[in-house]
Amino acid sequence: MDLKIDVRVAELLASRLCHDLVGPIGAVGNGLELLADDEFGMAEDAMKLTASSARQASHILQFFRLAYGLAGAQVGADYSQLRDLSMALLETSRTKLDWTGVQAPEGAPDGIAKAVLNMIALGHEALPRGGKLTVEILGGPGSVEARVTAAGQDAHLRPESLSGLQDNVDLDEMTPRGVHGYFTRLMAKRLGSDLEVETPAPDTLLFRIAVST
């Protein structure tokens, strides 16, 4: 896997982000239209729709600004902001987040926080019926390990996501839905590690990155 970002990958990441934003931004537009033509007295409902959808779009942008952008590798040792952004991203879903240890372990590289955000997004994709995401960043002698466990009914990675995790991926055949897995593994590779995906129990996926310090 080439550790540099191919233009094709950047295009696919942009397509994926735009796809995630279309729904809430479209809902904002619908709400504004209802406010402009309040023939049926729906102004209050329209305002609630507009505010909720604008908040959702903001949460998506703030999360992926760190997950995909340069800022994600410069968050420092306090991960509480990342936890809060992750909880906000999941606010309207049926998936809950359990992330209690928000201080970086000693020796944790800056890039591991960015990798964790991408693992959270990958875990969320793997829970089509909702469930629970558990985040652990553990320090040990000479290593730091990041784990995201996705547990819920029918937990699985879609074929597109699985294809992005394979070796020798053909970027020309990759889709916007598959690029996130590819990018997450790339973040792990840049840390001198790799992304491991395990099934420790039924309806459970474990995403793991172990980094030498």
N, C-alpha and C. Protein backbone atom coordinates (compact mmCIF):
# COMPACT_ATOMS: atom_id res chain seq x y z
N MET A 1 0.84 -1.20 0.00
CA MET A 1 0.00 0.00 0.00
C MET A 1 0.88 1.25 0.00
N ASP A 2 0.68 2.14 -0.98
CA ASP A 2 1.41 3.40 -1.06
C ASP A 2 0.93 4.32 0.06
N LEU A 3 1.88 4.86 0.85
CA LEU A 3 1.51 5.69 1.99
C LEU A 3 1.14 7.11 1.58
N LYS A 4 1.31 7.46 0.32
CA LYS A 4 0.89 8.77 -0.16
C LYS A 4 -0.58 8.71 -0.60
N ILE A 5 -1.26 9.85 -0.50
CA ILE A 5 -2.66 9.92 -0.90
C ILE A 5 -2.75 10.17 -2.40
N ASP A 6 -3.31 9.23 -3.10
CA ASP A 6 -3.54 9.37 -4.54
C ASP A 6 -4.68 10.37 -4.76
N VAL A 7 -4.62 11.10 -5.88
CA VAL A 7 -5.69 12.05 -6.20
C VAL A 7 -7.04 11.34 -6.24
N ARG A 8 -7.05 10.12 -6.73
CA ARG A 8 -8.28 9.33 -6.79
C ARG A 8 -8.86 9.13 -5.39
N VAL A 9 -8.00 8.89 -4.40
CA VAL A 9 -8.47 8.70 -3.02
C VAL A 9 -9.08 9.99 -2.50
N ALA A 10 -8.42 11.13 -2.77
CA ALA A 10 -8.95 12.42 -2.33
C ALA A 10 -10.32 12.68 -2.95
N GLU A 11 -10.47 12.33 -4.22
CA GLU A 11 -11.76 12.51 -4.89
C GLU A 11 -12.85 11.65 -4.25
N LEU A 12 -12.50 10.42 -3.93
CA LEU A 12 -13.47 9.51 -3.33
C LEU A 12 -13.85 9.94 -1.91
N LEU A 13 -12.87 10.43 -1.15
CA LEU A 13 -13.17 10.93 0.20
C LEU A 13 -14.11 12.13 0.12
N ALA A 14 -13.86 13.02 -0.85
CA ALA A 14 -14.74 14.18 -1.02
C ALA A 14 -16.15 13.73 -1.41
N SER A 15 -16.24 12.73 -2.28
CA SER A 15 -17.55 12.22 -2.69
C SER A 15 -18.30 11.61 -1.51
N ARG A 16 -17.58 10.86 -0.69
CA ARG A 16 -18.20 10.25 0.49
C ARG A 16 -18.73 11.31 1.45
N LEU A 17 -17.90 12.34 1.71
CA LEU A 17 -18.32 13.40 2.63
C LEU A 17 -19.53 14.15 2.09
N CYS A 18 -19.52 14.45 0.81
CA CYS A 18 -20.66 15.14 0.20
C CYS A 18 -21.93 14.29 0.29
N HIS A 19 -21.78 12.98 0.09
CA HIS A 19 -22.92 12.08 0.19
C HIS A 19 -23.52 12.13 1.59
N ASP A 20 -22.66 12.15 2.62
CA ASP A 20 -23.15 12.19 3.99
C ASP A 20 -23.83 13.51 4.32
N LEU A 21 -23.44 14.58 3.61
CA LEU A 21 -24.00 15.91 3.89
C LEU A 21 -25.27 16.21 3.11
N VAL A 22 -25.50 15.49 2.03
CA VAL A 22 -26.65 15.78 1.17
C VAL A 22 -27.96 15.72 1.95
N GLY A 23 -28.12 14.67 2.77
CA GLY A 23 -29.38 14.50 3.51
C GLY A 23 -29.69 15.66 4.43
N PRO A 24 -28.82 15.98 5.40
CA PRO A 24 -29.14 17.07 6.32
C PRO A 24 -29.22 18.44 5.65
N ILE A 25 -28.36 18.70 4.66
CA ILE A 25 -28.41 20.01 4.01
C ILE A 25 -29.68 20.13 3.17
N GLY A 26 -30.09 19.04 2.53
CA GLY A 26 -31.35 19.05 1.81
C GLY A 26 -32.53 19.30 2.73
N ALA A 27 -32.46 18.72 3.94
CA ALA A 27 -33.53 18.93 4.91
C ALA A 27 -33.58 20.38 5.39
N VAL A 28 -32.41 21.02 5.50
CA VAL A 28 -32.39 22.45 5.84
C VAL A 28 -33.13 23.25 4.77
N GLY A 29 -32.85 22.94 3.50
CA GLY A 29 -33.54 23.62 2.41
C GLY A 29 -35.04 23.42 2.46
N ASN A 30 -35.46 22.19 2.75
CA ASN A 30 -36.90 21.92 2.84
C ASN A 30 -37.53 22.71 3.98
N GLY A 31 -36.83 22.78 5.10
CA GLY A 31 -37.35 23.53 6.24
C GLY A 31 -37.49 25.01 5.93
N LEU A 32 -36.51 25.57 5.23
CA LEU A 32 -36.58 26.98 4.86
C LEU A 32 -37.72 27.25 3.89
N GLU A 33 -37.98 26.32 2.99
CA GLU A 33 -39.10 26.47 2.06
C GLU A 33 -40.43 26.49 2.81
N LEU A 34 -40.56 25.62 3.79
CA LEU A 34 -41.78 25.59 4.59
C LEU A 34 -41.96 26.89 5.38
N LEU A 35 -40.85 27.44 5.88
CA LEU A 35 -40.93 28.70 6.61
C LEU A 35 -41.35 29.85 5.70
N ALA A 36 -40.87 29.82 4.46
CA ALA A 36 -41.19 30.89 3.52
C ALA A 36 -42.64 30.84 3.08
N ASP A 37 -43.24 29.66 3.09
CA ASP A 37 -44.63 29.49 2.64
C ASP A 37 -45.41 28.78 3.75
N ASP A 38 -45.70 29.52 4.79
CA ASP A 38 -46.35 28.93 5.97
C ASP A 38 -47.87 28.91 5.80
N GLU A 39 -48.30 28.32 4.70
CA GLU A 39 -49.74 28.29 4.39
C GLU A 39 -50.51 27.40 5.36
N PHE A 40 -49.86 26.35 5.86
CA PHE A 40 -50.56 25.39 6.70
C PHE A 40 -50.15 25.49 8.18
N GLY A 41 -49.54 26.60 8.56
CA GLY A 41 -49.19 26.80 9.96
C GLY A 41 -48.16 25.81 10.47
N MET A 42 -47.15 25.52 9.65
CA MET A 42 -46.13 24.53 10.03
C MET A 42 -44.80 25.19 10.39
N ALA A 43 -44.84 26.47 10.73
CA ALA A 43 -43.60 27.19 10.98
C ALA A 43 -42.79 26.58 12.12
N GLU A 44 -43.46 26.17 13.18
CA GLU A 44 -42.73 25.61 14.32
C GLU A 44 -42.04 24.31 13.95
N ASP A 45 -42.77 23.43 13.24
CA ASP A 45 -42.16 22.17 12.81
C ASP A 45 -41.02 22.42 11.83
N ALA A 46 -41.22 23.39 10.94
CA ALA A 46 -40.18 23.71 9.95
C ALA A 46 -38.93 24.23 10.64
N MET A 47 -39.11 25.03 11.67
CA MET A 47 -37.96 25.56 12.40
C MET A 47 -37.20 24.44 13.11
N LYS A 48 -37.93 23.50 13.69
CA LYS A 48 -37.29 22.36 14.35
C LYS A 48 -36.51 21.51 13.35
N LEU A 49 -37.11 21.27 12.18
CA LEU A 49 -36.44 20.49 11.14
C LEU A 49 -35.17 21.19 10.68
N THR A 50 -35.27 22.49 10.45
CA THR A 50 -34.12 23.26 9.98
C THR A 50 -32.99 23.25 11.00
N ALA A 51 -33.33 23.49 12.26
CA ALA A 51 -32.31 23.54 13.31
C ALA A 51 -31.65 22.18 13.51
N SER A 52 -32.46 21.12 13.53
CA SER A 52 -31.93 19.77 13.74
C SER A 52 -31.01 19.36 12.58
N SER A 53 -31.43 19.65 11.37
CA SER A 53 -30.65 19.26 10.20
C SER A 53 -29.36 20.07 10.09
N ALA A 54 -29.43 21.36 10.43
CA ALA A 54 -28.22 22.18 10.41
C ALA A 54 -27.22 21.69 11.45
N ARG A 55 -27.73 21.29 12.61
CA ARG A 55 -26.85 20.76 13.66
C ARG A 55 -26.20 19.46 13.21
N GLN A 56 -26.97 18.59 12.54
CA GLN A 56 -26.43 17.33 12.06
C GLN A 56 -25.33 17.56 11.03
N ALA A 57 -25.56 18.48 10.10
CA ALA A 57 -24.55 18.79 9.08
C ALA A 57 -23.28 19.34 9.73
N SER A 58 -23.45 20.18 10.74
CA SER A 58 -22.30 20.73 11.45
C SER A 58 -21.51 19.64 12.15
N HIS A 59 -22.20 18.69 12.76
CA HIS A 59 -21.52 17.58 13.44
C HIS A 59 -20.70 16.75 12.46
N ILE A 60 -21.27 16.48 11.29
CA ILE A 60 -20.56 15.70 10.27
C ILE A 60 -19.29 16.43 9.84
N LEU A 61 -19.42 17.72 9.56
CA LEU A 61 -18.26 18.49 9.11
C LEU A 61 -17.17 18.57 10.17
N GLN A 62 -17.56 18.80 11.42
CA GLN A 62 -16.57 18.91 12.49
C GLN A 62 -15.84 17.58 12.71
N PHE A 63 -16.59 16.48 12.65
CA PHE A 63 -15.97 15.17 12.86
C PHE A 63 -14.98 14.85 11.75
N PHE A 64 -15.42 14.99 10.50
CA PHE A 64 -14.55 14.60 9.39
C PHE A 64 -13.45 15.63 9.11
N ARG A 65 -13.60 16.83 9.62
CA ARG A 65 -12.48 17.79 9.54
C ARG A 65 -11.28 17.22 10.28
N LEU A 66 -11.51 16.55 11.40
CA LEU A 66 -10.41 15.93 12.14
C LEU A 66 -10.06 14.55 11.59
N ALA A 67 -11.07 13.78 11.19
CA ALA A 67 -10.82 12.42 10.71
C ALA A 67 -10.06 12.42 9.39
N TYR A 68 -10.37 13.36 8.51
CA TYR A 68 -9.74 13.39 7.19
C TYR A 68 -8.68 14.49 7.06
N GLY A 69 -8.75 15.51 7.87
CA GLY A 69 -7.89 16.68 7.68
C GLY A 69 -6.64 16.69 8.55
N LEU A 70 -5.84 17.71 8.33
CA LEU A 70 -4.57 17.86 9.05
C LEU A 70 -4.78 18.07 10.54
N ALA A 71 -5.88 18.72 10.91
CA ALA A 71 -6.12 19.03 12.33
C ALA A 71 -6.21 17.78 13.19
N GLY A 72 -6.58 16.65 12.60
CA GLY A 72 -6.74 15.43 13.37
C GLY A 72 -5.45 14.89 13.94
N ALA A 73 -4.33 15.29 13.36
CA ALA A 73 -3.03 14.83 13.86
C ALA A 73 -2.40 15.82 14.83
N GLN A 74 -3.19 16.84 15.24
CA GLN A 74 -2.64 17.89 16.10
C GLN A 74 -3.56 18.17 17.28
N VAL A 75 -4.17 17.13 17.83
CA VAL A 75 -5.17 17.34 18.88
C VAL A 75 -4.58 17.35 20.28
N GLY A 76 -3.34 16.95 20.45
CA GLY A 76 -2.73 16.92 21.77
C GLY A 76 -3.10 15.68 22.56
N ALA A 77 -2.91 15.76 23.88
CA ALA A 77 -3.08 14.58 24.74
C ALA A 77 -4.47 14.43 25.32
N ASP A 78 -5.31 15.45 25.17
CA ASP A 78 -6.68 15.39 25.70
C ASP A 78 -7.63 15.03 24.57
N TYR A 79 -8.22 13.84 24.66
CA TYR A 79 -9.10 13.36 23.60
C TYR A 79 -10.58 13.65 23.87
N SER A 80 -10.88 14.48 24.88
CA SER A 80 -12.28 14.72 25.21
C SER A 80 -13.04 15.38 24.05
N GLN A 81 -12.35 16.25 23.30
CA GLN A 81 -12.99 16.87 22.14
C GLN A 81 -13.36 15.81 21.10
N LEU A 82 -12.48 14.84 20.89
CA LEU A 82 -12.76 13.79 19.92
C LEU A 82 -13.94 12.94 20.36
N ARG A 83 -13.99 12.65 21.65
CA ARG A 83 -15.13 11.89 22.18
C ARG A 83 -16.43 12.66 21.97
N ASP A 84 -16.41 13.95 22.28
CA ASP A 84 -17.63 14.76 22.15
C ASP A 84 -18.08 14.86 20.70
N LEU A 85 -17.12 15.02 19.78
CA LEU A 85 -17.47 15.08 18.36
C LEU A 85 -18.04 13.75 17.88
N SER A 86 -17.49 12.66 18.39
CA SER A 86 -17.98 11.33 18.00
C SER A 86 -19.39 11.10 18.51
N MET A 87 -19.66 11.53 19.75
CA MET A 87 -21.00 11.40 20.31
C MET A 87 -21.99 12.24 19.52
N ALA A 88 -21.57 13.43 19.11
CA ALA A 88 -22.44 14.30 18.33
C ALA A 88 -22.74 13.68 16.97
N LEU A 89 -21.74 13.06 16.35
CA LEU A 89 -21.95 12.42 15.05
C LEU A 89 -23.00 11.33 15.15
N LEU A 90 -23.02 10.61 16.26
CA LEU A 90 -23.94 9.48 16.44
C LEU A 90 -25.28 9.90 17.03
N GLU A 91 -25.46 11.17 17.28
CA GLU A 91 -26.62 11.68 18.02
C GLU A 91 -27.96 11.22 17.44
N THR A 92 -28.08 11.22 16.13
CA THR A 92 -29.36 10.88 15.50
C THR A 92 -29.44 9.42 15.08
N SER A 93 -28.44 8.63 15.43
CA SER A 93 -28.42 7.21 15.05
C SER A 93 -28.85 6.34 16.23
N ARG A 94 -28.89 5.04 15.98
CA ARG A 94 -29.22 4.08 17.04
C ARG A 94 -27.96 3.48 17.66
N THR A 95 -26.84 4.11 17.40
CA THR A 95 -25.56 3.63 17.94
C THR A 95 -25.08 4.55 19.06
N LYS A 96 -24.67 3.95 20.16
CA LYS A 96 -24.17 4.69 21.31
C LYS A 96 -22.66 4.51 21.43
N LEU A 97 -22.03 5.48 22.08
CA LEU A 97 -20.57 5.48 22.22
C LEU A 97 -20.18 5.34 23.68
N ASP A 98 -19.21 4.46 23.93
CA ASP A 98 -18.62 4.31 25.27
C ASP A 98 -17.13 4.59 25.15
N TRP A 99 -16.70 5.76 25.60
CA TRP A 99 -15.30 6.17 25.51
C TRP A 99 -14.98 6.91 26.80
N THR A 100 -14.38 6.23 27.74
CA THR A 100 -14.16 6.82 29.06
C THR A 100 -12.75 7.37 29.25
N GLY A 101 -11.73 6.69 28.77
CA GLY A 101 -10.35 7.16 28.95
C GLY A 101 -9.96 8.14 27.88
N VAL A 102 -10.02 9.44 28.19
CA VAL A 102 -9.82 10.46 27.15
C VAL A 102 -8.44 11.12 27.23
N GLN A 103 -7.56 10.63 28.08
CA GLN A 103 -6.19 11.13 28.12
C GLN A 103 -5.28 10.18 27.35
N ALA A 104 -4.47 10.74 26.48
CA ALA A 104 -3.57 9.91 25.67
C ALA A 104 -2.56 9.20 26.56
N PRO A 105 -2.34 7.91 26.33
CA PRO A 105 -1.30 7.20 27.09
C PRO A 105 0.07 7.79 26.81
N GLU A 106 0.99 7.60 27.72
CA GLU A 106 2.35 8.10 27.53
C GLU A 106 2.97 7.49 26.27
N GLY A 107 3.53 8.35 25.45
CA GLY A 107 4.18 7.89 24.23
C GLY A 107 3.26 7.73 23.04
N ALA A 108 1.97 8.04 23.21
CA ALA A 108 1.03 7.89 22.09
C ALA A 108 1.38 8.87 20.97
N PRO A 109 1.56 8.41 19.75
CA PRO A 109 1.86 9.32 18.64
C PRO A 109 0.65 10.18 18.32
N ASP A 110 0.90 11.39 17.80
CA ASP A 110 -0.19 12.31 17.49
C ASP A 110 -1.22 11.70 16.54
N GLY A 111 -0.75 10.94 15.57
CA GLY A 111 -1.64 10.42 14.54
C GLY A 111 -2.61 9.35 15.00
N ILE A 112 -2.43 8.82 16.20
CA ILE A 112 -3.29 7.72 16.62
C ILE A 112 -4.72 8.21 16.89
N ALA A 113 -4.87 9.45 17.31
CA ALA A 113 -6.20 10.00 17.55
C ALA A 113 -6.99 10.07 16.24
N LYS A 114 -6.31 10.50 15.18
CA LYS A 114 -6.95 10.57 13.87
C LYS A 114 -7.35 9.18 13.40
N ALA A 115 -6.49 8.20 13.63
CA ALA A 115 -6.81 6.82 13.25
C ALA A 115 -8.02 6.32 14.01
N VAL A 116 -8.13 6.68 15.29
CA VAL A 116 -9.27 6.24 16.10
C VAL A 116 -10.58 6.81 15.56
N LEU A 117 -10.58 8.07 15.16
CA LEU A 117 -11.79 8.66 14.59
C LEU A 117 -12.23 7.89 13.35
N ASN A 118 -11.29 7.52 12.52
CA ASN A 118 -11.63 6.76 11.32
C ASN A 118 -12.11 5.36 11.67
N MET A 119 -11.56 4.77 12.73
CA MET A 119 -12.04 3.47 13.18
C MET A 119 -13.47 3.57 13.72
N ILE A 120 -13.78 4.67 14.39
CA ILE A 120 -15.14 4.90 14.88
C ILE A 120 -16.12 4.98 13.72
N ALA A 121 -15.76 5.74 12.69
CA ALA A 121 -16.64 5.85 11.52
C ALA A 121 -16.81 4.50 10.83
N LEU A 122 -15.74 3.72 10.77
CA LEU A 122 -15.82 2.39 10.16
C LEU A 122 -16.70 1.48 11.01
N GLY A 123 -16.55 1.57 12.33
CA GLY A 123 -17.39 0.77 13.22
C GLY A 123 -18.85 1.15 13.13
N HIS A 124 -19.11 2.44 12.98
CA HIS A 124 -20.50 2.89 12.83
C HIS A 124 -21.13 2.31 11.56
N GLU A 125 -20.36 2.29 10.49
CA GLU A 125 -20.85 1.69 9.24
C GLU A 125 -21.19 0.22 9.43
N ALA A 126 -20.48 -0.44 10.33
CA ALA A 126 -20.65 -1.89 10.53
C ALA A 126 -21.85 -2.23 11.41
N LEU A 127 -22.60 -1.22 11.84
CA LEU A 127 -23.76 -1.45 12.71
C LEU A 127 -25.03 -0.94 12.03
N PRO A 128 -25.53 -1.66 11.04
CA PRO A 128 -26.70 -1.19 10.29
C PRO A 128 -27.96 -1.10 11.13
N ARG A 129 -28.04 -1.86 12.21
CA ARG A 129 -29.21 -1.83 13.09
C ARG A 129 -28.92 -1.12 14.41
N GLY A 130 -27.80 -0.42 14.46
CA GLY A 130 -27.43 0.26 15.69
C GLY A 130 -26.72 -0.67 16.65
N GLY A 131 -26.27 -0.12 17.75
CA GLY A 131 -25.56 -0.92 18.74
C GLY A 131 -24.67 -0.05 19.60
N LYS A 132 -23.49 -0.52 19.90
CA LYS A 132 -22.59 0.18 20.80
C LYS A 132 -21.17 0.16 20.26
N LEU A 133 -20.52 1.31 20.31
CA LEU A 133 -19.11 1.44 19.96
C LEU A 133 -18.32 1.71 21.23
N THR A 134 -17.34 0.86 21.50
CA THR A 134 -16.50 1.02 22.68
C THR A 134 -15.08 1.37 22.24
N VAL A 135 -14.56 2.47 22.75
CA VAL A 135 -13.24 2.96 22.36
C VAL A 135 -12.27 2.80 23.54
N GLU A 136 -11.12 2.20 23.25
CA GLU A 136 -10.08 2.04 24.25
C GLU A 136 -8.74 2.39 23.62
N ILE A 137 -7.96 3.22 24.30
CA ILE A 137 -6.60 3.53 23.87
C ILE A 137 -5.70 3.20 25.05
N LEU A 138 -4.95 2.13 24.91
CA LEU A 138 -4.24 1.53 26.04
C LEU A 138 -2.74 1.67 25.87
N GLY A 139 -2.07 2.09 26.93
CA GLY A 139 -0.62 2.18 26.93
C GLY A 139 0.00 0.98 27.60
N GLY A 140 1.13 0.54 27.10
CA GLY A 140 1.85 -0.59 27.69
C GLY A 140 3.33 -0.42 27.49
N PRO A 141 4.14 -1.35 27.96
CA PRO A 141 5.59 -1.27 27.78
C PRO A 141 5.97 -1.25 26.30
N GLY A 142 6.38 -0.09 25.83
CA GLY A 142 6.86 0.01 24.46
C GLY A 142 5.80 0.03 23.38
N SER A 143 4.53 0.19 23.75
CA SER A 143 3.49 0.18 22.72
C SER A 143 2.24 0.91 23.20
N VAL A 144 1.45 1.34 22.23
CA VAL A 144 0.12 1.90 22.48
C VAL A 144 -0.84 1.17 21.55
N GLU A 145 -1.96 0.74 22.09
CA GLU A 145 -2.94 0.01 21.29
C GLU A 145 -4.28 0.74 21.32
N ALA A 146 -4.84 0.96 20.13
CA ALA A 146 -6.15 1.58 20.00
C ALA A 146 -7.14 0.52 19.55
N ARG A 147 -8.27 0.46 20.25
CA ARG A 147 -9.31 -0.53 19.92
C ARG A 147 -10.66 0.16 19.80
N VAL A 148 -11.39 -0.20 18.78
CA VAL A 148 -12.79 0.20 18.65
C VAL A 148 -13.60 -1.07 18.44
N THR A 149 -14.49 -1.36 19.37
CA THR A 149 -15.33 -2.55 19.29
C THR A 149 -16.74 -2.14 18.88
N ALA A 150 -17.24 -2.72 17.81
CA ALA A 150 -18.59 -2.47 17.33
C ALA A 150 -19.45 -3.68 17.64
N ALA A 151 -20.44 -3.51 18.50
CA ALA A 151 -21.30 -4.62 18.91
C ALA A 151 -22.76 -4.27 18.67
N GLY A 152 -23.45 -5.14 17.96
CA GLY A 152 -24.86 -4.90 17.68
C GLY A 152 -25.40 -5.95 16.73
N GLN A 153 -26.71 -6.03 16.63
CA GLN A 153 -27.34 -7.02 15.77
C GLN A 153 -26.86 -6.90 14.33
N ASP A 154 -26.44 -8.02 13.76
CA ASP A 154 -26.01 -8.09 12.37
C ASP A 154 -24.79 -7.21 12.08
N ALA A 155 -23.91 -7.08 13.06
CA ALA A 155 -22.69 -6.28 12.85
C ALA A 155 -21.83 -6.92 11.76
N HIS A 156 -21.49 -6.14 10.75
CA HIS A 156 -20.66 -6.66 9.66
C HIS A 156 -20.16 -5.50 8.81
N LEU A 157 -19.09 -5.74 8.10
CA LEU A 157 -18.60 -4.78 7.12
C LEU A 157 -19.20 -5.08 5.77
N ARG A 158 -19.64 -4.05 5.09
CA ARG A 158 -20.19 -4.24 3.75
C ARG A 158 -19.09 -4.62 2.77
N PRO A 159 -19.45 -5.28 1.68
CA PRO A 159 -18.44 -5.69 0.69
C PRO A 159 -17.56 -4.53 0.22
N GLU A 160 -18.16 -3.33 0.05
CA GLU A 160 -17.37 -2.19 -0.40
C GLU A 160 -16.29 -1.82 0.61
N SER A 161 -16.66 -1.86 1.90
CA SER A 161 -15.69 -1.54 2.94
C SER A 161 -14.60 -2.60 3.01
N LEU A 162 -14.99 -3.86 2.90
CA LEU A 162 -14.01 -4.95 2.93
C LEU A 162 -13.02 -4.83 1.79
N SER A 163 -13.50 -4.43 0.62
CA SER A 163 -12.61 -4.33 -0.54
C SER A 163 -11.53 -3.28 -0.31
N GLY A 164 -11.88 -2.20 0.41
CA GLY A 164 -10.91 -1.15 0.68
C GLY A 164 -9.85 -1.55 1.68
N LEU A 165 -10.07 -2.65 2.40
CA LEU A 165 -9.12 -3.11 3.41
C LEU A 165 -8.13 -4.14 2.87
N GLN A 166 -8.31 -4.54 1.63
CA GLN A 166 -7.46 -5.59 1.07
C GLN A 166 -6.10 -5.04 0.63
N ASP A 167 -5.14 -5.94 0.49
CA ASP A 167 -3.85 -5.57 -0.09
C ASP A 167 -4.01 -5.39 -1.60
N ASN A 168 -3.14 -4.58 -2.18
CA ASN A 168 -3.14 -4.38 -3.64
C ASN A 168 -4.51 -3.94 -4.16
N VAL A 169 -5.09 -2.95 -3.49
CA VAL A 169 -6.39 -2.43 -3.90
C VAL A 169 -6.27 -1.71 -5.24
N ASP A 170 -7.21 -1.96 -6.13
CA ASP A 170 -7.27 -1.25 -7.41
C ASP A 170 -8.07 0.03 -7.19
N LEU A 171 -7.37 1.17 -7.13
CA LEU A 171 -8.05 2.43 -6.84
C LEU A 171 -9.06 2.81 -7.91
N ASP A 172 -8.84 2.37 -9.14
CA ASP A 172 -9.78 2.69 -10.21
C ASP A 172 -11.13 2.00 -10.00
N GLU A 173 -11.12 0.90 -9.26
CA GLU A 173 -12.35 0.16 -9.00
C GLU A 173 -12.99 0.53 -7.66
N MET A 174 -12.32 1.34 -6.87
CA MET A 174 -12.83 1.68 -5.55
C MET A 174 -14.01 2.64 -5.65
N THR A 175 -14.92 2.54 -4.68
CA THR A 175 -16.11 3.39 -4.63
C THR A 175 -16.02 4.33 -3.43
N PRO A 176 -16.85 5.38 -3.39
CA PRO A 176 -16.86 6.26 -2.21
C PRO A 176 -17.16 5.51 -0.92
N ARG A 177 -17.92 4.43 -0.98
CA ARG A 177 -18.21 3.66 0.22
C ARG A 177 -17.04 2.77 0.64
N GLY A 178 -16.18 2.43 -0.28
CA GLY A 178 -15.05 1.58 0.06
C GLY A 178 -13.81 2.35 0.47
N VAL A 179 -13.76 3.64 0.15
CA VAL A 179 -12.54 4.40 0.37
C VAL A 179 -12.26 4.63 1.85
N HIS A 180 -13.29 4.62 2.68
CA HIS A 180 -13.04 4.90 4.10
C HIS A 180 -12.20 3.80 4.75
N GLY A 181 -12.49 2.55 4.41
CA GLY A 181 -11.68 1.45 4.93
C GLY A 181 -10.24 1.57 4.47
N TYR A 182 -10.06 1.91 3.20
CA TYR A 182 -8.71 2.09 2.65
C TYR A 182 -7.97 3.20 3.40
N PHE A 183 -8.65 4.32 3.61
CA PHE A 183 -8.03 5.46 4.28
C PHE A 183 -7.68 5.14 5.73
N THR A 184 -8.56 4.41 6.41
CA THR A 184 -8.30 4.04 7.80
C THR A 184 -7.06 3.16 7.90
N ARG A 185 -6.95 2.21 6.99
CA ARG A 185 -5.77 1.35 7.00
C ARG A 185 -4.52 2.15 6.66
N LEU A 186 -4.65 3.12 5.77
CA LEU A 186 -3.52 3.98 5.43
C LEU A 186 -3.03 4.76 6.65
N MET A 187 -3.96 5.24 7.48
CA MET A 187 -3.58 5.95 8.70
C MET A 187 -2.79 5.03 9.63
N ALA A 188 -3.22 3.77 9.72
CA ALA A 188 -2.50 2.80 10.55
C ALA A 188 -1.10 2.55 9.99
N LYS A 189 -0.99 2.43 8.68
CA LYS A 189 0.31 2.19 8.04
C LYS A 189 1.27 3.36 8.30
N ARG A 190 0.74 4.56 8.29
CA ARG A 190 1.58 5.73 8.53
C ARG A 190 2.13 5.75 9.96
N LEU A 191 1.46 5.05 10.85
CA LEU A 191 1.93 4.94 12.23
C LEU A 191 2.89 3.77 12.40
N GLY A 192 3.24 3.11 11.31
CA GLY A 192 4.12 1.95 11.37
C GLY A 192 3.40 0.70 11.83
N SER A 193 2.09 0.68 11.69
CA SER A 193 1.28 -0.45 12.15
C SER A 193 0.40 -0.93 11.00
N ASP A 194 -0.68 -1.57 11.33
CA ASP A 194 -1.68 -1.99 10.35
C ASP A 194 -3.01 -2.09 11.07
N LEU A 195 -4.08 -2.03 10.32
CA LEU A 195 -5.42 -2.16 10.89
C LEU A 195 -5.82 -3.63 10.89
N GLU A 196 -6.10 -4.15 12.07
CA GLU A 196 -6.57 -5.52 12.20
C GLU A 196 -8.06 -5.51 12.49
N VAL A 197 -8.79 -6.38 11.82
CA VAL A 197 -10.23 -6.51 12.02
C VAL A 197 -10.52 -7.93 12.45
N GLU A 198 -11.11 -8.08 13.62
CA GLU A 198 -11.38 -9.40 14.18
C GLU A 198 -12.86 -9.53 14.54
N THR A 199 -13.29 -10.79 14.70
CA THR A 199 -14.66 -11.08 15.14
C THR A 199 -14.57 -11.88 16.44
N PRO A 200 -14.44 -11.19 17.59
CA PRO A 200 -14.23 -11.90 18.85
C PRO A 200 -15.47 -12.60 19.38
N ALA A 201 -16.66 -12.22 18.89
CA ALA A 201 -17.91 -12.82 19.34
C ALA A 201 -18.96 -12.57 18.27
N PRO A 202 -20.07 -13.32 18.29
CA PRO A 202 -21.13 -13.07 17.32
C PRO A 202 -21.62 -11.62 17.39
N ASP A 203 -21.92 -11.05 16.24
CA ASP A 203 -22.43 -9.68 16.15
C ASP A 203 -21.45 -8.66 16.75
N THR A 204 -20.17 -8.95 16.65
CA THR A 204 -19.15 -8.06 17.21
C THR A 204 -17.95 -7.99 16.28
N LEU A 205 -17.48 -6.78 16.03
CA LEU A 205 -16.26 -6.56 15.26
C LEU A 205 -15.29 -5.75 16.11
N LEU A 206 -14.02 -6.12 16.06
CA LEU A 206 -12.98 -5.40 16.77
C LEU A 206 -11.99 -4.83 15.76
N PHE A 207 -11.82 -3.51 15.78
CA PHE A 207 -10.84 -2.83 14.95
C PHE A 207 -9.67 -2.45 15.86
N ARG A 208 -8.46 -2.83 15.47
CA ARG A 208 -7.32 -2.67 16.38
C ARG A 208 -6.08 -2.19 15.64
N ILE A 209 -5.37 -1.24 16.27
CA ILE A 209 -4.09 -0.75 15.78
C ILE A 209 -3.11 -0.76 16.95
N ALA A 210 -1.98 -1.43 16.80
CA ALA A 210 -0.94 -1.46 17.84
C ALA A 210 0.29 -0.73 17.31
N VAL A 211 0.77 0.26 18.06
CA VAL A 211 1.87 1.11 17.62
C VAL A 211 3.03 1.00 18.61
N SER A 212 4.23 0.75 18.10
CA SER A 212 5.42 0.74 18.95
C SER A 212 5.80 2.16 19.33
N THR A 213 6.23 2.35 20.57
CA THR A 213 6.60 3.70 21.03
C THR A 213 8.08 3.74 21.42
